[in-house]
Amino acid sequence: SQFATTTSAQLAGIISDETGTGALVFSDSPTFTGTPAAPTASNGTNTTQIATTAFVLANAGTALPNTAADGTSVTGTTSNTYSAGLLIPANTFTAGKFYTIYARMVKTSGAASTVTCRMYANTTNDLSGSPILIGTGAAFASTVKSGGIQRGLGVRVLAGTGLGTETINTTAAQTTDISSNPTSAVSTLAIDWTQAQYIVVSIQLGSSGDAAQINSIAVSL
């Protein structure tokens, strides 16, 4: 054949519509180098076509944040006081999904009174401005040394408009969503998850002689 000894470089010199660089590849298990590109399939595609990194990330979702860092210890006050916050980066949540947020409280000293935890969504990592109350945990008895507050959030609309995000009644004094339903209807919250939000957890002591803190916050799908 007149092309028997023709190299890839020689072919590239006479072909005017090729793309990329390097040696020719064939259909039987080729190995690509560099950064080859391919079309990105629509979300939810389930075929044998090539999946780009963009397709994988779009269908796998964003890793959900969590922290095991100790929050600020609350003591010497009976006011509702910030203890810990967890950053939820913009667009981490997805419309139509249900997320569970759990925070763990540890009573580090004292046993004279109850401890109440509250959970908020806020654009800043504190209780300033207008934080949106997600839930109020049942007051932990004076003998309880640790406990948790858990809230399930149904993200109906990502931007927080219209149906927004739904949870059980925010003021229902429950430790967790997994219990009997409160007497009032669910709360619909206008939280815009297209921008960064903090899940902020506060502690209110029944006695200023006690001390407690949040030592972990986690989000699960």
C-alpha atoms as a PDB file:
ATOM      1  CA  SER A   1       0.000   0.000   0.000  1.00  0.00           C
ATOM      2  CA  GLN A   2       1.221   3.504  -0.773  1.00  0.00           C
ATOM      3  CA  PHE A   3       0.388   4.485   2.852  1.00  0.00           C
ATOM      4  CA  ALA A   4       2.148   1.505   4.459  1.00  0.00           C
ATOM      5  CA  THR A   5       4.953   3.591   5.963  1.00  0.00           C
ATOM      6  CA  THR A   6       3.030   6.876   6.371  1.00  0.00           C
ATOM      7  CA  THR A   7       3.272   8.366   9.862  1.00  0.00           C
ATOM      8  CA  SER A   8       0.639  10.281  11.810  1.00  0.00           C
ATOM      9  CA  ALA A   9       2.719  13.444  11.470  1.00  0.00           C
ATOM     10  CA  GLN A  10       2.819  13.048   7.662  1.00  0.00           C
ATOM     11  CA  LEU A  11      -0.930  12.552   7.517  1.00  0.00           C
ATOM     12  CA  ALA A  12      -1.454  15.620   9.661  1.00  0.00           C
ATOM     13  CA  GLY A  13       0.542  17.611   7.161  1.00  0.00           C
ATOM     14  CA  ILE A  14      -1.854  16.860   4.313  1.00  0.00           C
ATOM     15  CA  ILE A  15      -5.207  16.629   6.172  1.00  0.00           C
ATOM     16  CA  SER A  16      -6.814  20.011   6.760  1.00  0.00           C
ATOM     17  CA  ASP A  17      -9.848  19.198   8.931  1.00  0.00           C
ATOM     18  CA  GLU A  18      -8.357  17.115  11.761  1.00  0.00           C
ATOM     19  CA  THR A  19      -8.703  18.082  15.437  1.00  0.00           C
ATOM     20  CA  GLY A  20      -6.297  17.533  18.330  1.00  0.00           C
ATOM     21  CA  THR A  21      -2.663  16.517  18.221  1.00  0.00           C
ATOM     22  CA  GLY A  22      -0.561  13.381  18.623  1.00  0.00           C
ATOM     23  CA  ALA A  23      -0.718   9.868  17.184  1.00  0.00           C
ATOM     24  CA  LEU A  24      -3.717   8.285  15.513  1.00  0.00           C
ATOM     25  CA  VAL A  25      -6.018   6.139  17.673  1.00  0.00           C
ATOM     26  CA  PHE A  26      -8.213   3.249  16.639  1.00  0.00           C
ATOM     27  CA  SER A  27     -11.479   1.849  17.979  1.00  0.00           C
ATOM     28  CA  ASP A  28      -9.971  -1.043  19.937  1.00  0.00           C
ATOM     29  CA  SER A  29      -9.130   0.239  23.473  1.00  0.00           C
ATOM     30  CA  PRO A  30      -7.382   3.496  22.533  1.00  0.00           C
ATOM     31  CA  THR A  31      -5.462   5.461  25.180  1.00  0.00           C
ATOM     32  CA  PHE A  32      -5.940   9.220  25.025  1.00  0.00           C
ATOM     33  CA  THR A  33      -3.503  11.774  26.418  1.00  0.00           C
ATOM     34  CA  GLY A  34      -3.875  15.445  27.231  1.00  0.00           C
ATOM     35  CA  THR A  35      -7.418  16.717  27.840  1.00  0.00           C
ATOM     36  CA  PRO A  36      -9.717  15.170  25.251  1.00  0.00           C
ATOM     37  CA  ALA A  37     -13.257  16.583  25.155  1.00  0.00           C
ATOM     38  CA  ALA A  38     -16.596  14.940  24.389  1.00  0.00           C
ATOM     39  CA  PRO A  39     -20.246  16.043  24.226  1.00  0.00           C
ATOM     40  CA  THR A  40     -22.003  16.207  27.607  1.00  0.00           C
ATOM     41  CA  ALA A  41     -25.159  14.107  27.761  1.00  0.00           C
ATOM     42  CA  SER A  42     -28.404  15.389  29.284  1.00  0.00           C
ATOM     43  CA  ASN A  43     -28.919  14.763  33.002  1.00  0.00           C
ATOM     44  CA  GLY A  44     -30.350  11.337  33.687  1.00  0.00           C
ATOM     45  CA  THR A  45     -28.999   9.752  30.490  1.00  0.00           C
ATOM     46  CA  ASN A  46     -28.425   6.023  30.999  1.00  0.00           C
ATOM     47  CA  THR A  47     -26.633   4.607  27.942  1.00  0.00           C
ATOM     48  CA  THR A  48     -23.182   3.300  27.038  1.00  0.00           C
ATOM     49  CA  GLN A  49     -22.060   6.676  25.662  1.00  0.00           C
ATOM     50  CA  ILE A  50     -19.050   8.460  27.173  1.00  0.00           C
ATOM     51  CA  ALA A  51     -19.750  10.388  30.392  1.00  0.00           C
ATOM     52  CA  THR A  52     -17.852  13.666  30.697  1.00  0.00           C
ATOM     53  CA  THR A  53     -16.754  15.035  34.063  1.00  0.00           C
ATOM     54  CA  ALA A  54     -19.487  17.675  33.710  1.00  0.00           C
ATOM     55  CA  PHE A  55     -22.126  14.935  33.355  1.00  0.00           C
ATOM     56  CA  VAL A  56     -20.783  12.996  36.348  1.00  0.00           C
ATOM     57  CA  LEU A  57     -20.799  16.029  38.637  1.00  0.00           C
ATOM     58  CA  ALA A  58     -24.252  17.139  37.517  1.00  0.00           C
ATOM     59  CA  ASN A  59     -25.761  13.714  38.199  1.00  0.00           C
ATOM     60  CA  ALA A  60     -23.842  12.845  41.345  1.00  0.00           C
ATOM     61  CA  GLY A  61     -24.766  16.077  43.105  1.00  0.00           C
ATOM     62  CA  THR A  62     -22.613  18.173  45.392  1.00  0.00           C
ATOM     63  CA  ALA A  63     -21.024  16.572  48.439  1.00  0.00           C
ATOM     64  CA  LEU A  64     -23.039  17.504  51.491  1.00  0.00           C
ATOM     65  CA  PRO A  65     -21.196  19.479  54.157  1.00  0.00           C
ATOM     66  CA  ASN A  66     -20.724  18.449  57.759  1.00  0.00           C
ATOM     67  CA  THR A  67     -18.504  19.400  60.661  1.00  0.00           C
ATOM     68  CA  ALA A  68     -17.331  17.738  63.843  1.00  0.00           C
ATOM     69  CA  ALA A  69     -15.697  20.899  65.184  1.00  0.00           C
ATOM     70  CA  ASP A  70     -16.733  22.056  68.637  1.00  0.00           C
ATOM     71  CA  GLY A  71     -18.899  25.130  68.688  1.00  0.00           C
ATOM     72  CA  THR A  72     -18.702  28.037  71.115  1.00  0.00           C
ATOM     73  CA  SER A  73     -19.429  27.053  74.697  1.00  0.00           C
ATOM     74  CA  VAL A  74     -22.472  28.859  76.107  1.00  0.00           C
ATOM     75  CA  THR A  75     -22.360  29.698  79.810  1.00  0.00           C
ATOM     76  CA  GLY A  76     -23.197  32.522  82.199  1.00  0.00           C
ATOM     77  CA  THR A  77     -26.381  33.505  80.389  1.00  0.00           C
ATOM     78  CA  THR A  78     -29.955  32.319  79.899  1.00  0.00           C
ATOM     79  CA  SER A  79     -30.352  34.180  76.586  1.00  0.00           C
ATOM     80  CA  ASN A  80     -30.667  32.387  73.259  1.00  0.00           C
ATOM     81  CA  THR A  81     -26.992  32.304  72.210  1.00  0.00           C
ATOM     82  CA  TYR A  82     -25.042  31.260  69.102  1.00  0.00           C
ATOM     83  CA  SER A  83     -22.979  28.080  69.466  1.00  0.00           C
ATOM     84  CA  ALA A  84     -22.102  26.760  65.987  1.00  0.00           C
ATOM     85  CA  GLY A  85     -22.664  27.261  62.280  1.00  0.00           C
ATOM     86  CA  LEU A  86     -22.212  25.167  59.127  1.00  0.00           C
ATOM     87  CA  LEU A  87     -21.726  26.733  55.686  1.00  0.00           C
ATOM     88  CA  ILE A  88     -24.013  25.439  52.922  1.00  0.00           C
ATOM     89  CA  PRO A  89     -22.375  26.678  49.688  1.00  0.00           C
ATOM     90  CA  ALA A  90     -24.604  28.188  47.017  1.00  0.00           C
ATOM     91  CA  ASN A  91     -26.541  25.596  44.969  1.00  0.00           C
ATOM     92  CA  THR A  92     -25.474  22.691  47.207  1.00  0.00           C
ATOM     93  CA  PHE A  93     -29.122  21.730  47.614  1.00  0.00           C
ATOM     94  CA  THR A  94     -31.315  20.648  44.708  1.00  0.00           C
ATOM     95  CA  ALA A  95     -34.967  21.479  44.118  1.00  0.00           C
ATOM     96  CA  GLY A  96     -37.229  18.506  44.726  1.00  0.00           C
ATOM     97  CA  LYS A  97     -34.891  16.849  47.252  1.00  0.00           C
ATOM     98  CA  PHE A  98     -35.352  16.200  50.979  1.00  0.00           C
ATOM     99  CA  TYR A  99     -32.458  16.891  53.337  1.00  0.00           C
ATOM    100  CA  THR A 100     -31.988  16.097  57.014  1.00  0.00           C
ATOM    101  CA  ILE A 101     -29.900  18.364  59.242  1.00  0.00           C
ATOM    102  CA  TYR A 102     -28.718  17.105  62.596  1.00  0.00           C
ATOM    103  CA  ALA A 103     -26.888  18.951  65.368  1.00  0.00           C
ATOM    104  CA  ARG A 104     -25.529  17.396  68.556  1.00  0.00           C
ATOM    105  CA  MET A 105     -25.498  19.256  71.873  1.00  0.00           C
ATOM    106  CA  VAL A 106     -23.200  18.414  74.782  1.00  0.00           C
ATOM    107  CA  LYS A 107     -23.798  19.776  78.271  1.00  0.00           C
ATOM    108  CA  THR A 108     -20.298  20.341  79.573  1.00  0.00           C
ATOM    109  CA  SER A 109     -21.123  21.336  83.140  1.00  0.00           C
ATOM    110  CA  GLY A 110     -24.017  21.909  85.516  1.00  0.00           C
ATOM    111  CA  ALA A 111     -27.195  19.931  85.956  1.00  0.00           C
ATOM    112  CA  ALA A 112     -29.560  22.482  87.410  1.00  0.00           C
ATOM    113  CA  SER A 113     -31.811  23.205  84.456  1.00  0.00           C
ATOM    114  CA  THR A 114     -33.051  22.353  81.006  1.00  0.00           C
ATOM    115  CA  VAL A 115     -31.288  23.220  77.722  1.00  0.00           C
ATOM    116  CA  THR A 116     -33.118  24.245  74.537  1.00  0.00           C
ATOM    117  CA  CYS A 117     -31.529  24.164  71.050  1.00  0.00           C
ATOM    118  CA  ARG A 118     -32.751  26.082  68.012  1.00  0.00           C
ATOM    119  CA  MET A 119     -31.732  25.785  64.381  1.00  0.00           C
ATOM    120  CA  TYR A 120     -31.698  28.634  61.848  1.00  0.00           C
ATOM    121  CA  ALA A 121     -30.746  29.415  58.257  1.00  0.00           C
ATOM    122  CA  ASN A 122     -28.841  32.671  57.907  1.00  0.00           C
ATOM    123  CA  THR A 123     -26.660  34.367  55.304  1.00  0.00           C
ATOM    124  CA  THR A 124     -24.123  35.119  58.046  1.00  0.00           C
ATOM    125  CA  ASN A 125     -22.575  32.739  60.574  1.00  0.00           C
ATOM    126  CA  ASP A 126     -24.306  34.262  63.592  1.00  0.00           C
ATOM    127  CA  LEU A 127     -27.735  35.258  64.883  1.00  0.00           C
ATOM    128  CA  SER A 128     -27.581  38.834  63.621  1.00  0.00           C
ATOM    129  CA  GLY A 129     -29.863  40.189  60.927  1.00  0.00           C
ATOM    130  CA  SER A 130     -32.931  38.105  60.179  1.00  0.00           C
ATOM    131  CA  PRO A 131     -32.126  34.417  60.650  1.00  0.00           C
ATOM    132  CA  ILE A 132     -34.923  32.062  59.576  1.00  0.00           C
ATOM    133  CA  LEU A 133     -35.971  29.643  62.300  1.00  0.00           C
ATOM    134  CA  ILE A 134     -35.914  26.052  61.026  1.00  0.00           C
ATOM    135  CA  GLY A 135     -36.812  24.311  64.252  1.00  0.00           C
ATOM    136  CA  THR A 136     -36.986  24.424  68.034  1.00  0.00           C
ATOM    137  CA  GLY A 137     -35.826  21.339  69.853  1.00  0.00           C
ATOM    138  CA  ALA A 138     -37.620  20.014  72.895  1.00  0.00           C
ATOM    139  CA  ALA A 139     -36.003  21.222  76.096  1.00  0.00           C
ATOM    140  CA  PHE A 140     -33.547  18.650  77.396  1.00  0.00           C
ATOM    141  CA  ALA A 141     -34.095  17.725  81.033  1.00  0.00           C
ATOM    142  CA  SER A 142     -31.607  18.840  83.674  1.00  0.00           C
ATOM    143  CA  THR A 143     -30.112  15.345  83.911  1.00  0.00           C
ATOM    144  CA  VAL A 144     -29.473  15.038  80.144  1.00  0.00           C
ATOM    145  CA  LYS A 145     -25.790  15.466  79.271  1.00  0.00           C
ATOM    146  CA  SER A 146     -26.117  15.294  75.486  1.00  0.00           C
ATOM    147  CA  GLY A 147     -28.845  15.375  72.881  1.00  0.00           C
ATOM    148  CA  GLY A 148     -29.624  16.403  69.345  1.00  0.00           C
ATOM    149  CA  ILE A 149     -31.950  18.462  67.214  1.00  0.00           C
ATOM    150  CA  GLN A 150     -32.882  17.079  63.796  1.00  0.00           C
ATOM    151  CA  ARG A 151     -34.897  18.767  61.076  1.00  0.00           C
ATOM    152  CA  GLY A 152     -35.983  17.482  57.694  1.00  0.00           C
ATOM    153  CA  LEU A 153     -36.126  20.105  54.940  1.00  0.00           C
ATOM    154  CA  GLY A 154     -38.066  19.539  51.742  1.00  0.00           C
ATOM    155  CA  VAL A 155     -36.558  21.892  49.171  1.00  0.00           C
ATOM    156  CA  ARG A 156     -39.530  22.565  46.920  1.00  0.00           C
ATOM    157  CA  VAL A 157     -38.135  25.640  45.154  1.00  0.00           C
ATOM    158  CA  LEU A 158     -34.396  26.295  45.212  1.00  0.00           C
ATOM    159  CA  ALA A 159     -34.665  30.095  45.135  1.00  0.00           C
ATOM    160  CA  GLY A 160     -37.002  30.141  48.137  1.00  0.00           C
ATOM    161  CA  THR A 161     -39.930  31.667  46.263  1.00  0.00           C
ATOM    162  CA  GLY A 162     -43.449  30.257  46.199  1.00  0.00           C
ATOM    163  CA  LEU A 163     -43.473  26.917  48.012  1.00  0.00           C
ATOM    164  CA  GLY A 164     -39.862  27.417  49.142  1.00  0.00           C
ATOM    165  CA  THR A 165     -38.559  24.940  51.723  1.00  0.00           C
ATOM    166  CA  GLU A 166     -40.930  23.008  53.940  1.00  0.00           C
ATOM    167  CA  THR A 167     -40.313  21.603  57.411  1.00  0.00           C
ATOM    168  CA  ILE A 168     -42.486  20.597  60.332  1.00  0.00           C
ATOM    169  CA  ASN A 169     -43.870  23.508  62.316  1.00  0.00           C
ATOM    170  CA  THR A 170     -40.760  25.490  63.294  1.00  0.00           C
ATOM    171  CA  THR A 171     -41.876  26.215  66.845  1.00  0.00           C
ATOM    172  CA  ALA A 172     -42.955  22.655  67.633  1.00  0.00           C
ATOM    173  CA  ALA A 173     -40.968  21.556  70.677  1.00  0.00           C
ATOM    174  CA  GLN A 174     -39.652  18.312  69.197  1.00  0.00           C
ATOM    175  CA  THR A 175     -36.167  16.891  69.408  1.00  0.00           C
ATOM    176  CA  THR A 176     -36.482  15.259  66.001  1.00  0.00           C
ATOM    177  CA  ASP A 177     -38.781  15.074  63.005  1.00  0.00           C
ATOM    178  CA  ILE A 178     -39.248  11.353  63.590  1.00  0.00           C
ATOM    179  CA  SER A 179     -42.118  11.517  66.046  1.00  0.00           C
ATOM    180  CA  SER A 180     -45.827  12.261  66.164  1.00  0.00           C
ATOM    181  CA  ASN A 181     -46.965  15.170  64.020  1.00  0.00           C
ATOM    182  CA  PRO A 182     -47.374  18.565  65.671  1.00  0.00           C
ATOM    183  CA  THR A 183     -50.882  19.926  65.968  1.00  0.00           C
ATOM    184  CA  SER A 184     -50.190  22.766  63.520  1.00  0.00           C
ATOM    185  CA  ALA A 185     -49.364  22.594  59.823  1.00  0.00           C
ATOM    186  CA  VAL A 186     -45.886  22.474  58.326  1.00  0.00           C
ATOM    187  CA  SER A 187     -43.946  25.697  57.929  1.00  0.00           C
ATOM    188  CA  THR A 188     -42.942  26.967  54.490  1.00  0.00           C
ATOM    189  CA  LEU A 189     -39.677  28.919  54.642  1.00  0.00           C
ATOM    190  CA  ALA A 190     -38.373  31.362  52.030  1.00  0.00           C
ATOM    191  CA  ILE A 191     -34.732  30.242  52.133  1.00  0.00           C
ATOM    192  CA  ASP A 192     -32.759  31.006  48.966  1.00  0.00           C
ATOM    193  CA  TRP A 193     -30.404  28.037  48.505  1.00  0.00           C
ATOM    194  CA  THR A 194     -28.985  29.553  45.302  1.00  0.00           C
ATOM    195  CA  GLN A 195     -26.820  31.681  47.596  1.00  0.00           C
ATOM    196  CA  ALA A 196     -24.600  30.580  50.452  1.00  0.00           C
ATOM    197  CA  GLN A 197     -26.457  29.971  53.710  1.00  0.00           C
ATOM    198  CA  TYR A 198     -25.316  28.985  57.180  1.00  0.00           C
ATOM    199  CA  ILE A 199     -27.121  26.449  59.319  1.00  0.00           C
ATOM    200  CA  VAL A 200     -26.784  28.119  62.713  1.00  0.00           C
ATOM    201  CA  VAL A 201     -27.558  26.343  65.976  1.00  0.00           C
ATOM    202  CA  SER A 202     -28.134  28.203  69.220  1.00  0.00           C
ATOM    203  CA  ILE A 203     -28.384  27.158  72.848  1.00  0.00           C
ATOM    204  CA  GLN A 204     -30.573  28.584  75.572  1.00  0.00           C
ATOM    205  CA  LEU A 205     -29.708  27.545  79.107  1.00  0.00           C
ATOM    206  CA  GLY A 206     -32.255  27.424  81.860  1.00  0.00           C
ATOM    207  CA  SER A 207     -29.584  28.422  84.392  1.00  0.00           C
ATOM    208  CA  SER A 208     -26.603  30.721  83.909  1.00  0.00           C
ATOM    209  CA  GLY A 209     -24.569  28.297  86.013  1.00  0.00           C
ATOM    210  CA  ASP A 210     -24.759  25.607  83.324  1.00  0.00           C
ATOM    211  CA  ALA A 211     -22.560  25.287  80.220  1.00  0.00           C
ATOM    212  CA  ALA A 212     -23.272  23.576  76.893  1.00  0.00           C
ATOM    213  CA  GLN A 213     -22.118  23.616  73.295  1.00  0.00           C
ATOM    214  CA  ILE A 214     -22.867  22.191  69.851  1.00  0.00           C
ATOM    215  CA  ASN A 215     -20.085  19.826  68.826  1.00  0.00           C
ATOM    216  CA  SER A 216     -21.259  18.657  65.398  1.00  0.00           C
ATOM    217  CA  ILE A 217     -23.644  19.575  62.581  1.00  0.00           C
ATOM    218  CA  ALA A 218     -24.274  17.286  59.617  1.00  0.00           C
ATOM    219  CA  VAL A 219     -26.436  17.257  56.490  1.00  0.00           C
ATOM    220  CA  SER A 220     -27.674  14.078  54.825  1.00  0.00           C
ATOM    221  CA  LEU A 221     -29.857  13.334  51.806  1.00  0.00           C
END
